[in-house]
Amino acid sequence: MRVTGTARVDRRTKRLVRRLRPGDIAVVAHRDMDEVAARSLIDAGVRAVLNADETLSGRYPAAGAACLLEAGIPVVDGLGEALLAQVQDGDPLWVEDGAVGCGERVIACGTPLTRQRLEERLAAAQANLDRELARFLENTLEWARRERDLILDRWEPPPLRTRMAGRPVLLVARGPSYRDDLAAIRPYIDEVRPVLVGIDGGADALLAEGYRPDLIIGDMDSVSDRALACGAELVVHAYPDGRAPGEARLRALGLPAVRFAAPGTSEDAAMLLAYQAGADLLVAVGSHTNLVDFLDKGRPGMASTLLVRLKVGTRLVDAKGVSRLYRSRVTGRHLVHLLVAALVPVAAVVAASPWLRTWVELLWLHARVALGW
């Protein structure tokens, strides 16, 4: 079946999703697409995904390919770098059986993602996982030795208007299942009212749940303009060498921000910031903690994350996966019990009050007359 749509092109999927509109065809170069990236494309309403690389290479079990397939979105892999050079934003494209064209001209041919291909690649990924884990651990330990002084030193937070000292802090990142986990701890948020910190796109997750973040920290590359302009305090994650990639975007938007220089990922920086600012509890949602998470982010190791978690561990509660731990099921029996429990005190009050008892008897008489009893 032929699929048509308007091309939107970017090598980086998380940058592309900010420009996508329903019905567009996403043109990317994303090897081993992660679940968060795939779901962002699904939420944007894309009609098809054209990948210059392999959505699932078989190196490790990246979850994005399965998400796109389950959503019924056609995916064509291995279209090559030439596709990115030939297609521009706004071009009308058609996709059919692995062929990509514009008008009457076929401009590239690739391999459609099918259920059989997905299963073959996933089997290869599972077989390769032990080798990837060994390589990942070696790299983690090597970099942990190099970075231990950087992480374990005291990192002074910048002057902040958001008070964290002595307060619980909720840190929200856009990791796997972050939406479900955030919804699962809604009662905690509503009752305790922690400081709400969005880590890049985690700020949009908070807004989607009806909360305004108090502070947004990160490279500012996967957070929306709407979230940046919501009134939250903005902290740009800068690296120890002085680079701060997110500052240029905030300057262009005319938004003030402060810097926080720290090694590692933006999640690591957010934990260090809250810890050094004196937060008494850190609750993490959507954090990246395992091999697949880090391979999804293109990181060959997790030295900084390991060291940061060792440092803040006594104050850290990770809510990752909490949505799968327990799901409340309200049954009809529960509702009947609730109704009976509510009627008991009402009946007691009516029985103790002659006036209320007369009023109830009058209502009952009117009901019998109306029903012809």
Protein backbone atom coordinates (compact mmCIF):
# COMPACT_ATOMS: atom_id res chain seq x y z
CA MET A 1 0.00 0.00 0.00
CA ARG A 2 1.29 3.43 -0.92
CA VAL A 3 1.68 5.99 1.88
CA THR A 4 2.02 9.69 1.13
CA GLY A 5 2.94 12.67 3.27
CA THR A 6 5.14 15.71 3.76
CA ALA A 7 8.77 15.10 4.60
CA ARG A 8 10.33 16.38 7.82
CA VAL A 9 14.06 15.76 7.97
CA ASP A 10 16.57 15.71 10.82
CA ARG A 11 19.37 13.38 11.82
CA ARG A 12 18.30 13.61 15.46
CA THR A 13 14.84 12.30 16.25
CA LYS A 14 14.36 14.31 19.44
CA ARG A 15 15.04 17.51 17.52
CA LEU A 16 12.74 16.47 14.70
CA VAL A 17 9.68 15.80 16.86
CA ARG A 18 9.42 19.49 17.73
CA ARG A 19 8.64 20.22 14.05
CA LEU A 20 6.42 17.27 13.20
CA ARG A 21 2.74 17.61 12.36
CA PRO A 22 0.13 14.86 12.00
CA GLY A 23 0.45 13.13 8.64
CA ASP A 24 4.14 13.99 8.13
CA ILE A 25 6.74 11.45 7.05
CA ALA A 26 9.70 11.44 9.46
CA VAL A 27 13.12 11.14 7.80
CA VAL A 28 15.84 10.28 10.33
CA ALA A 29 19.20 8.60 10.80
CA HIS A 30 18.60 6.78 14.07
CA ARG A 31 20.37 3.50 14.66
CA ASP A 32 18.66 1.31 17.27
CA MET A 33 15.76 3.62 18.02
CA ASP A 34 14.75 3.72 21.68
CA GLU A 35 11.22 3.49 23.05
CA VAL A 36 10.98 7.17 24.04
CA ALA A 37 11.96 8.35 20.56
CA ALA A 38 9.53 5.94 18.91
CA ARG A 39 6.65 6.98 21.14
CA SER A 40 7.37 10.65 20.47
CA LEU A 41 7.01 9.93 16.73
CA ILE A 42 3.78 8.02 17.37
CA ASP A 43 2.39 10.87 19.49
CA ALA A 44 3.28 13.34 16.73
CA GLY A 45 1.04 11.37 14.36
CA VAL A 46 3.62 10.53 11.69
CA ARG A 47 2.41 8.55 8.70
CA ALA A 48 5.71 6.72 8.11
CA VAL A 49 9.32 6.62 9.31
CA LEU A 50 12.20 6.56 6.82
CA ASN A 51 15.50 5.66 8.44
CA ALA A 52 18.85 6.14 6.76
CA ASP A 53 20.19 3.68 9.34
CA GLU A 54 18.76 0.55 11.02
CA THR A 55 15.89 1.04 13.47
CA LEU A 56 16.90 -2.27 15.06
CA SER A 57 20.39 -3.45 14.14
CA GLY A 58 20.51 -6.54 16.35
CA ARG A 59 23.29 -5.15 18.54
CA TYR A 60 20.99 -4.95 21.57
CA PRO A 61 17.20 -5.12 22.08
CA ALA A 62 16.24 -1.50 21.43
CA ALA A 63 12.47 -1.18 21.88
CA GLY A 64 11.60 1.53 19.35
CA ALA A 65 11.11 -0.72 16.33
CA ALA A 66 8.51 -2.85 18.09
CA CYS A 67 6.64 0.26 19.27
CA LEU A 68 6.37 1.63 15.73
CA LEU A 69 5.30 -1.73 14.32
CA GLU A 70 2.62 -2.18 16.99
CA ALA A 71 1.32 1.33 16.23
CA GLY A 72 0.90 0.37 12.57
CA ILE A 73 3.40 2.94 11.31
CA PRO A 74 5.34 1.79 8.20
CA VAL A 75 9.12 1.86 8.71
CA VAL A 76 11.73 1.59 5.95
CA ASP A 77 15.31 0.94 7.07
CA GLY A 78 18.75 1.21 5.48
CA LEU A 79 17.92 4.01 3.06
CA GLY A 80 21.43 5.44 3.34
CA GLU A 81 22.94 8.88 3.77
CA ALA A 82 21.95 9.86 0.24
CA LEU A 83 18.33 10.05 1.39
CA LEU A 84 19.15 12.86 3.84
CA ALA A 85 20.94 14.77 1.09
CA GLN A 86 18.10 14.42 -1.43
CA VAL A 87 15.06 15.08 0.76
CA GLN A 88 14.26 18.45 2.28
CA ASP A 89 11.60 19.65 4.68
CA GLY A 90 8.28 20.08 2.89
CA ASP A 91 8.96 17.67 0.02
CA PRO A 92 5.92 15.54 -0.90
CA LEU A 93 6.95 11.90 -0.57
CA TRP A 94 5.40 8.51 -1.21
CA VAL A 95 6.47 5.18 0.27
CA GLU A 96 5.60 1.78 -1.15
CA ASP A 97 7.19 -1.64 -0.54
CA GLY A 98 10.52 -0.16 0.59
CA ALA A 99 10.73 2.35 -2.26
CA VAL A 100 10.68 6.08 -1.52
CA GLY A 101 9.76 8.56 -4.21
CA CYS A 102 8.95 12.16 -4.95
CA GLY A 103 6.57 12.69 -7.86
CA GLU A 104 7.31 10.06 -10.51
CA ARG A 105 10.91 9.56 -9.40
CA VAL A 106 12.15 6.85 -7.02
CA ILE A 107 14.86 8.45 -4.88
CA ALA A 108 15.82 5.59 -2.53
CA CYS A 109 15.11 1.96 -1.77
CA GLY A 110 15.38 0.26 1.62
CA THR A 111 14.07 -2.66 3.66
CA PRO A 112 10.56 -2.51 5.15
CA LEU A 113 10.34 -3.41 8.83
CA THR A 114 8.16 -6.51 9.14
CA ARG A 115 7.17 -8.71 12.08
CA GLN A 116 9.50 -11.47 10.85
CA ARG A 117 12.44 -9.07 10.47
CA LEU A 118 11.76 -7.65 13.93
CA GLU A 119 11.77 -11.08 15.55
CA GLU A 120 15.00 -12.07 13.77
CA ARG A 121 16.76 -8.90 14.91
CA LEU A 122 15.49 -9.26 18.48
CA ALA A 123 16.79 -12.85 18.62
CA ALA A 124 20.20 -11.65 17.42
CA ALA A 125 20.13 -8.84 19.99
CA GLN A 126 19.41 -11.23 22.86
CA ALA A 127 22.26 -13.49 21.75
CA ASN A 128 24.60 -10.49 21.64
CA LEU A 129 23.57 -9.00 24.99
CA ASP A 130 26.22 -10.71 27.15
CA ARG A 131 29.01 -9.42 24.90
CA GLU A 132 27.59 -5.88 25.04
CA LEU A 133 27.28 -6.10 28.83
CA ALA A 134 30.93 -7.16 29.22
CA ARG A 135 32.10 -4.27 27.03
CA PHE A 136 29.83 -1.85 28.87
CA LEU A 137 31.10 -2.88 32.31
CA GLU A 138 34.75 -2.61 31.28
CA ASN A 139 34.20 0.90 29.99
CA THR A 140 32.19 1.88 33.07
CA LEU A 141 34.91 0.78 35.49
CA GLU A 142 37.66 2.46 33.46
CA TRP A 143 35.86 5.79 33.38
CA ALA A 144 34.80 5.48 37.02
CA ARG A 145 38.48 5.45 37.98
CA ARG A 146 39.06 8.58 35.88
CA GLU A 147 35.99 10.50 37.04
CA ARG A 148 35.79 9.57 40.71
CA ASP A 149 37.39 12.80 41.94
CA LEU A 150 35.21 14.89 39.64
CA ILE A 151 32.01 13.31 40.95
CA LEU A 152 32.92 12.86 44.60
CA ASP A 153 34.15 16.43 45.05
CA ARG A 154 31.58 18.92 46.34
CA TRP A 155 29.82 20.60 43.41
CA GLU A 156 28.50 23.94 44.57
CA PRO A 157 25.05 24.71 43.16
CA PRO A 158 24.52 28.07 41.45
CA PRO A 159 22.38 30.69 43.20
CA LEU A 160 18.79 29.48 42.84
CA ARG A 161 15.46 31.07 43.64
CA THR A 162 13.95 27.59 44.01
CA ARG A 163 14.43 26.46 47.60
CA MET A 164 15.35 22.78 47.93
CA ALA A 165 17.01 22.67 51.35
CA GLY A 166 15.10 20.36 53.68
CA ARG A 167 12.45 19.58 51.04
CA PRO A 168 11.67 16.50 48.92
CA VAL A 169 12.52 16.89 45.23
CA LEU A 170 10.90 15.01 42.34
CA LEU A 171 13.25 14.59 39.36
CA VAL A 172 11.47 13.68 36.11
CA ALA A 173 13.35 12.47 33.01
CA ARG A 174 11.93 11.02 29.80
CA GLY A 175 13.03 7.43 30.24
CA PRO A 176 11.07 4.25 29.48
CA SER A 177 7.61 4.14 31.14
CA TYR A 178 8.08 7.65 32.55
CA ARG A 179 4.46 8.57 31.86
CA ASP A 180 3.02 5.54 33.65
CA ASP A 181 5.37 5.97 36.61
CA LEU A 182 4.58 9.68 36.92
CA ALA A 183 0.84 8.96 36.85
CA ALA A 184 1.31 6.21 39.47
CA ILE A 185 2.86 8.59 42.01
CA ARG A 186 0.33 11.37 41.49
CA PRO A 187 -1.10 10.86 45.03
CA TYR A 188 2.42 11.40 46.44
CA ILE A 189 2.86 14.61 44.43
CA ASP A 190 -0.54 15.99 45.43
CA GLU A 191 -0.08 15.20 49.12
CA VAL A 192 3.61 15.95 49.72
CA ARG A 193 4.04 18.74 47.10
CA PRO A 194 7.74 18.17 46.39
CA VAL A 195 9.90 20.54 44.36
CA LEU A 196 9.24 19.56 40.73
CA VAL A 197 12.34 19.34 38.55
CA GLY A 198 12.05 18.56 34.84
CA ILE A 199 15.18 17.11 33.24
CA ASP A 200 15.00 18.31 29.63
CA GLY A 201 11.86 16.70 28.15
CA GLY A 202 10.77 15.65 31.64
CA ALA A 203 9.41 19.17 31.98
CA ASP A 204 6.89 18.42 29.23
CA ALA A 205 5.92 15.22 31.04
CA LEU A 206 5.09 17.25 34.15
CA LEU A 207 3.03 19.74 32.13
CA ALA A 208 1.15 16.87 30.47
CA GLU A 209 0.12 15.66 33.94
CA GLY A 210 -1.10 19.13 34.89
CA TYR A 211 1.93 20.21 36.96
CA ARG A 212 4.18 23.21 36.37
CA PRO A 213 7.85 22.40 36.99
CA ASP A 214 9.62 24.60 39.52
CA LEU A 215 12.96 24.10 37.78
CA ILE A 216 14.16 22.74 34.43
CA ILE A 217 17.73 21.50 34.02
CA GLY A 218 19.52 19.95 31.06
CA ASP A 219 21.05 20.48 27.65
CA MET A 220 17.72 21.99 26.54
CA ASP A 221 17.65 19.89 23.38
CA SER A 222 14.52 17.79 23.99
CA VAL A 223 12.30 20.20 25.91
CA SER A 224 9.59 22.23 24.16
CA ASP A 225 9.51 26.01 23.88
CA ARG A 226 6.21 25.90 25.77
CA ALA A 227 7.84 24.20 28.75
CA LEU A 228 10.80 26.58 28.74
CA ALA A 229 8.43 29.55 28.81
CA CYS A 230 6.17 28.16 31.59
CA GLY A 231 7.87 30.22 34.32
CA ALA A 232 10.17 27.54 35.71
CA GLU A 233 13.68 28.43 36.79
CA LEU A 234 16.12 27.36 34.06
CA VAL A 235 19.49 25.73 34.75
CA VAL A 236 21.75 24.87 31.81
CA HIS A 237 23.86 21.76 32.27
CA ALA A 238 27.42 22.77 31.45
CA TYR A 239 30.31 20.34 31.16
CA PRO A 240 33.56 20.57 33.14
CA ASP A 241 35.37 21.93 30.05
CA GLY A 242 33.02 24.92 29.97
CA ARG A 243 30.74 23.88 27.09
CA ALA A 244 27.04 24.58 27.62
CA PRO A 245 25.18 23.60 24.43
CA GLY A 246 21.78 24.66 25.73
CA GLU A 247 22.67 28.32 26.28
CA ALA A 248 22.38 29.29 22.61
CA ARG A 249 18.77 28.13 22.41
CA LEU A 250 17.77 29.97 25.57
CA ARG A 251 19.45 33.16 24.33
CA ALA A 252 17.51 32.89 21.08
CA LEU A 253 14.28 32.57 23.09
CA GLY A 254 15.27 35.48 25.35
CA LEU A 255 15.02 33.35 28.50
CA PRO A 256 17.35 33.87 31.49
CA ALA A 257 19.19 30.88 32.92
CA VAL A 258 22.04 29.96 35.24
CA ARG A 259 24.79 27.41 34.64
CA PHE A 260 25.60 24.29 36.59
CA ALA A 261 28.86 22.65 35.55
CA ALA A 262 28.95 18.93 36.26
CA PRO A 263 30.23 15.81 34.51
CA GLY A 264 27.96 13.05 33.21
CA THR A 265 24.41 13.19 31.94
CA SER A 266 21.79 15.82 32.68
CA GLU A 267 20.15 13.32 35.04
CA ASP A 268 23.43 13.07 36.96
CA ALA A 269 23.69 16.87 37.07
CA ALA A 270 20.11 17.19 38.34
CA MET A 271 20.74 14.71 41.17
CA LEU A 272 23.98 16.45 42.15
CA LEU A 273 22.24 19.85 42.06
CA ALA A 274 19.39 18.75 44.33
CA TYR A 275 21.75 16.88 46.65
CA GLN A 276 24.17 19.79 47.03
CA ALA A 277 21.24 22.22 47.45
CA GLY A 278 20.23 20.26 50.57
CA ALA A 279 17.17 18.30 49.43
CA ASP A 280 16.24 15.73 52.07
CA LEU A 281 14.76 13.24 49.57
CA LEU A 282 15.27 12.71 45.82
CA VAL A 283 12.53 10.84 43.97
CA ALA A 284 13.55 9.93 40.41
CA VAL A 285 11.05 9.16 37.65
CA GLY A 286 12.10 8.01 34.17
CA SER A 287 15.77 7.74 35.07
CA HIS A 288 18.20 5.65 33.00
CA THR A 289 19.72 2.87 35.06
CA ASN A 290 20.35 -0.28 33.04
CA LEU A 291 22.33 -1.50 30.05
CA VAL A 292 19.59 -1.00 27.46
CA ASP A 293 18.78 2.48 28.82
CA PHE A 294 22.37 3.61 28.36
CA LEU A 295 22.87 1.97 24.99
CA ASP A 296 19.67 3.75 23.91
CA LYS A 297 21.35 7.03 24.83
CA GLY A 298 24.45 6.09 22.86
CA ARG A 299 26.64 5.85 25.94
CA PRO A 300 29.27 3.09 26.15
CA GLY A 301 29.30 3.15 29.98
CA MET A 302 27.63 4.59 33.06
CA ALA A 303 30.57 5.71 35.19
CA SER A 304 29.14 9.11 36.12
CA THR A 305 25.72 7.65 36.92
CA LEU A 306 27.23 4.91 39.07
CA LEU A 307 29.31 7.41 41.05
CA VAL A 308 26.49 9.93 41.42
CA ARG A 309 24.11 7.26 42.71
CA LEU A 310 26.74 6.07 45.18
CA LYS A 311 27.07 9.64 46.41
CA VAL A 312 23.37 10.51 46.74
CA GLY A 313 22.16 6.97 47.45
CA THR A 314 21.03 7.55 51.04
CA ARG A 315 18.56 10.20 49.85
CA LEU A 316 17.48 8.65 46.53
CA VAL A 317 14.26 6.75 45.83
CA ASP A 318 13.94 5.53 42.25
CA ALA A 319 10.32 5.31 41.07
CA LYS A 320 11.29 3.57 37.83
CA GLY A 321 8.82 0.77 37.13
CA VAL A 322 6.56 1.62 40.07
CA SER A 323 3.56 1.63 37.69
CA ARG A 324 4.12 -2.10 37.08
CA LEU A 325 4.41 -2.96 40.78
CA TYR A 326 0.74 -2.55 41.62
CA ARG A 327 -2.36 -1.43 39.76
CA SER A 328 -5.47 -0.64 41.75
CA ARG A 329 -8.60 -2.48 40.59
CA VAL A 330 -11.89 -1.04 41.87
CA THR A 331 -14.59 -3.73 41.60
CA GLY A 332 -18.35 -3.55 41.92
CA ARG A 333 -18.09 -5.17 45.33
CA HIS A 334 -15.79 -2.37 46.48
CA LEU A 335 -18.32 0.23 45.34
CA VAL A 336 -21.17 -1.55 47.16
CA HIS A 337 -19.10 -1.67 50.36
CA LEU A 338 -18.30 2.02 49.97
CA LEU A 339 -21.98 2.90 49.49
CA VAL A 340 -23.04 0.87 52.54
CA ALA A 341 -20.31 2.46 54.63
CA ALA A 342 -21.48 5.90 53.56
CA LEU A 343 -25.15 5.14 54.34
CA VAL A 344 -24.51 3.85 57.88
CA PRO A 345 -23.73 7.26 59.45
CA VAL A 346 -26.55 8.85 57.45
CA ALA A 347 -29.01 6.29 58.80
CA ALA A 348 -27.73 6.86 62.33
CA VAL A 349 -28.25 10.61 62.05
CA VAL A 350 -31.77 10.16 60.62
CA ALA A 351 -32.70 7.73 63.39
CA ALA A 352 -31.53 10.16 66.07
CA SER A 353 -33.41 13.16 64.66
CA PRO A 354 -37.25 13.20 64.80
CA TRP A 355 -37.36 16.06 62.27
CA LEU A 356 -35.15 14.24 59.75
CA ARG A 357 -37.09 11.01 60.33
CA THR A 358 -40.38 12.78 59.52
CA TRP A 359 -38.82 14.37 56.42
CA VAL A 360 -37.56 10.97 55.14
CA GLU A 361 -40.97 9.37 55.77
CA LEU A 362 -42.62 12.20 53.79
CA LEU A 363 -40.21 11.67 50.87
CA TRP A 364 -40.93 7.93 50.94
CA LEU A 365 -44.71 8.60 50.88
CA HIS A 366 -44.33 10.92 47.84
CA ALA A 367 -42.23 8.27 46.07
CA ARG A 368 -44.89 5.57 46.69
CA VAL A 369 -47.67 7.86 45.35
CA ALA A 370 -45.61 8.71 42.25
CA LEU A 371 -44.87 5.03 41.55
CA GLY A 372 -48.46 3.90 42.27
CA TRP A 373 -47.47 1.55 45.11
